[in-house]
Amino acid sequence: MRFDISLETQARLVARAQEQGLSIDAPLERLLNDDAMPVGAANGEVPELPAWHLGVRGSLRRRDIYNA
């Protein structure tokens, strides 16, 4: 299998593997199998999304949408 990655990323991967005395496959497998990969918020809570409070609005009518 072949992956096209930048030379900088490749050099970092090789350096990290050599620091740990491992083949390049070991860090890649660890990344793929790691359950702690960041998917959402770091503390496990759902991040709060910003909300704009634009005041009270009434019902939306057709004439509010179209210029008729």
N, C-alpha and C. Protein backbone atom coordinates (compact mmCIF):
# COMPACT_ATOMS: atom_id res chain seq x y z
N MET A 1 0.86 -1.16 0.00
CA MET A 1 0.00 0.00 0.00
C MET A 1 0.91 1.23 0.00
N ARG A 2 0.42 2.30 -0.57
CA ARG A 2 1.23 3.50 -0.68
C ARG A 2 0.42 4.70 -0.19
N PHE A 3 1.07 5.57 0.57
CA PHE A 3 0.46 6.81 1.05
C PHE A 3 1.31 7.97 0.58
N ASP A 4 0.67 8.99 0.08
CA ASP A 4 1.39 10.20 -0.31
C ASP A 4 1.31 11.19 0.84
N ILE A 5 2.44 11.36 1.53
CA ILE A 5 2.51 12.32 2.63
C ILE A 5 3.68 13.26 2.35
N SER A 6 3.68 14.39 3.01
CA SER A 6 4.74 15.35 2.78
C SER A 6 6.07 14.81 3.32
N LEU A 7 7.15 15.34 2.78
CA LEU A 7 8.48 14.91 3.22
C LEU A 7 8.71 15.25 4.69
N GLU A 8 8.15 16.38 5.13
CA GLU A 8 8.29 16.79 6.53
C GLU A 8 7.60 15.78 7.46
N THR A 9 6.38 15.38 7.09
CA THR A 9 5.65 14.41 7.90
C THR A 9 6.37 13.07 7.90
N GLN A 10 6.89 12.68 6.77
CA GLN A 10 7.63 11.42 6.67
C GLN A 10 8.88 11.46 7.55
N ALA A 11 9.60 12.57 7.53
CA ALA A 11 10.80 12.70 8.35
C ALA A 11 10.46 12.65 9.84
N ARG A 12 9.37 13.31 10.23
CA ARG A 12 8.95 13.27 11.64
C ARG A 12 8.58 11.86 12.07
N LEU A 13 7.90 11.13 11.19
CA LEU A 13 7.49 9.76 11.50
C LEU A 13 8.71 8.86 11.66
N VAL A 14 9.67 8.98 10.76
CA VAL A 14 10.89 8.17 10.83
C VAL A 14 11.67 8.53 12.10
N ALA A 15 11.78 9.82 12.40
CA ALA A 15 12.52 10.25 13.60
C ALA A 15 11.87 9.71 14.87
N ARG A 16 10.56 9.77 14.95
CA ARG A 16 9.86 9.27 16.14
C ARG A 16 10.04 7.77 16.28
N ALA A 17 9.99 7.04 15.18
CA ALA A 17 10.17 5.59 15.23
C ALA A 17 11.60 5.26 15.67
N GLN A 18 12.57 6.01 15.16
CA GLN A 18 13.96 5.74 15.52
C GLN A 18 14.23 6.08 16.99
N GLU A 19 13.60 7.14 17.51
CA GLU A 19 13.75 7.49 18.93
C GLU A 19 13.31 6.35 19.83
N GLN A 20 12.24 5.68 19.41
CA GLN A 20 11.67 4.60 20.22
C GLN A 20 12.28 3.25 19.87
N GLY A 21 13.15 3.22 18.86
CA GLY A 21 13.77 1.97 18.45
C GLY A 21 12.80 1.01 17.79
N LEU A 22 11.83 1.55 17.07
CA LEU A 22 10.80 0.74 16.44
C LEU A 22 10.84 0.91 14.93
N SER A 23 10.14 0.02 14.24
CA SER A 23 9.96 0.21 12.80
C SER A 23 8.87 1.27 12.60
N ILE A 24 8.75 1.75 11.39
CA ILE A 24 7.75 2.78 11.10
C ILE A 24 6.34 2.24 11.28
N ASP A 25 6.16 0.94 11.09
CA ASP A 25 4.84 0.33 11.23
C ASP A 25 4.27 0.46 12.64
N ALA A 26 5.11 0.38 13.65
CA ALA A 26 4.63 0.40 15.03
C ALA A 26 3.93 1.70 15.40
N PRO A 27 4.53 2.89 15.13
CA PRO A 27 3.79 4.12 15.45
C PRO A 27 2.50 4.28 14.64
N LEU A 28 2.51 3.82 13.39
CA LEU A 28 1.30 3.91 12.58
C LEU A 28 0.20 3.01 13.13
N GLU A 29 0.56 1.80 13.53
CA GLU A 29 -0.43 0.90 14.12
C GLU A 29 -0.97 1.47 15.43
N ARG A 30 -0.10 2.09 16.21
CA ARG A 30 -0.53 2.69 17.47
C ARG A 30 -1.54 3.81 17.21
N LEU A 31 -1.28 4.61 16.18
CA LEU A 31 -2.23 5.68 15.84
C LEU A 31 -3.58 5.13 15.41
N LEU A 32 -3.55 4.06 14.63
CA LEU A 32 -4.81 3.48 14.15
C LEU A 32 -5.58 2.78 15.26
N ASN A 33 -4.88 2.16 16.18
CA ASN A 33 -5.54 1.39 17.24
C ASN A 33 -5.81 2.18 18.50
N ASP A 34 -5.33 3.41 18.56
CA ASP A 34 -5.46 4.20 19.78
C ASP A 34 -6.91 4.65 19.96
N ASP A 35 -7.51 4.24 21.07
CA ASP A 35 -8.88 4.65 21.37
C ASP A 35 -8.96 6.08 21.87
N ALA A 36 -7.83 6.65 22.22
CA ALA A 36 -7.83 8.00 22.77
C ALA A 36 -7.62 9.06 21.70
N MET A 37 -7.84 8.70 20.44
CA MET A 37 -7.72 9.70 19.39
C MET A 37 -8.77 10.78 19.59
N PRO A 38 -8.38 12.06 19.50
CA PRO A 38 -9.33 13.13 19.76
C PRO A 38 -10.43 13.17 18.70
N VAL A 39 -11.65 12.99 19.15
CA VAL A 39 -12.79 13.04 18.25
C VAL A 39 -13.65 14.25 18.57
N GLY A 40 -13.77 14.57 19.83
CA GLY A 40 -14.58 15.69 20.26
C GLY A 40 -13.80 16.54 21.25
N ALA A 41 -14.48 16.97 22.27
CA ALA A 41 -13.83 17.78 23.30
C ALA A 41 -12.85 16.92 24.08
N ALA A 42 -11.82 17.55 24.58
CA ALA A 42 -10.75 16.82 25.27
C ALA A 42 -11.23 16.24 26.61
N ASN A 43 -12.16 16.89 27.28
CA ASN A 43 -12.60 16.42 28.59
C ASN A 43 -13.82 15.50 28.52
N GLY A 44 -14.24 15.12 27.34
CA GLY A 44 -15.36 14.20 27.19
C GLY A 44 -16.72 14.88 27.16
N GLU A 45 -16.76 16.17 27.39
CA GLU A 45 -18.04 16.89 27.36
C GLU A 45 -18.30 17.42 25.96
N VAL A 46 -19.54 17.58 25.66
CA VAL A 46 -19.92 18.15 24.37
C VAL A 46 -19.67 19.65 24.41
N PRO A 47 -18.94 20.18 23.43
CA PRO A 47 -18.68 21.62 23.45
C PRO A 47 -19.96 22.42 23.24
N GLU A 48 -20.05 23.53 23.93
CA GLU A 48 -21.23 24.39 23.80
C GLU A 48 -21.07 25.26 22.57
N LEU A 49 -22.06 25.24 21.71
CA LEU A 49 -22.03 26.04 20.51
C LEU A 49 -22.52 27.45 20.80
N PRO A 50 -21.95 28.44 20.13
CA PRO A 50 -22.41 29.81 20.36
C PRO A 50 -23.83 30.00 19.83
N ALA A 51 -24.60 30.79 20.51
CA ALA A 51 -25.98 31.07 20.08
C ALA A 51 -26.19 32.58 20.03
N TRP A 52 -26.88 33.03 19.03
CA TRP A 52 -27.21 34.43 18.91
C TRP A 52 -28.65 34.60 19.34
N HIS A 53 -28.87 35.44 20.29
CA HIS A 53 -30.22 35.75 20.73
C HIS A 53 -30.63 37.05 20.06
N LEU A 54 -31.47 36.93 19.06
CA LEU A 54 -31.83 38.07 18.22
C LEU A 54 -33.16 38.69 18.62
N GLY A 55 -33.66 38.31 19.77
CA GLY A 55 -34.92 38.88 20.22
C GLY A 55 -36.10 38.00 19.87
N VAL A 56 -37.26 38.45 20.22
CA VAL A 56 -38.48 37.69 20.00
C VAL A 56 -38.95 37.89 18.56
N ARG A 57 -39.30 36.81 17.92
CA ARG A 57 -39.82 36.86 16.56
C ARG A 57 -41.21 36.27 16.53
N GLY A 58 -42.04 36.83 15.70
CA GLY A 58 -43.37 36.29 15.52
C GLY A 58 -43.38 35.20 14.46
N SER A 59 -44.55 34.81 14.05
CA SER A 59 -44.68 33.79 13.01
C SER A 59 -44.16 34.34 11.69
N LEU A 60 -43.59 33.47 10.89
CA LEU A 60 -43.09 33.85 9.58
C LEU A 60 -44.22 33.70 8.57
N ARG A 61 -44.47 34.77 7.83
CA ARG A 61 -45.55 34.75 6.84
C ARG A 61 -44.95 34.83 5.44
N ARG A 62 -45.72 34.43 4.47
CA ARG A 62 -45.26 34.42 3.08
C ARG A 62 -44.80 35.81 2.65
N ARG A 63 -45.51 36.85 3.03
CA ARG A 63 -45.13 38.20 2.60
C ARG A 63 -43.83 38.65 3.26
N ASP A 64 -43.42 37.97 4.36
CA ASP A 64 -42.14 38.29 4.97
C ASP A 64 -40.98 37.71 4.15
N ILE A 65 -41.28 36.64 3.41
CA ILE A 65 -40.25 35.98 2.61
C ILE A 65 -40.17 36.61 1.24
N TYR A 66 -41.32 36.78 0.59
CA TYR A 66 -41.35 37.31 -0.76
C TYR A 66 -41.74 38.78 -0.72
N ASN A 67 -41.33 39.53 -1.70
CA ASN A 67 -41.69 40.95 -1.77
C ASN A 67 -43.01 41.15 -2.45
N ALA A 68 -44.02 40.50 -1.98
CA ALA A 68 -45.34 40.63 -2.60
C ALA A 68 -46.37 41.05 -1.58
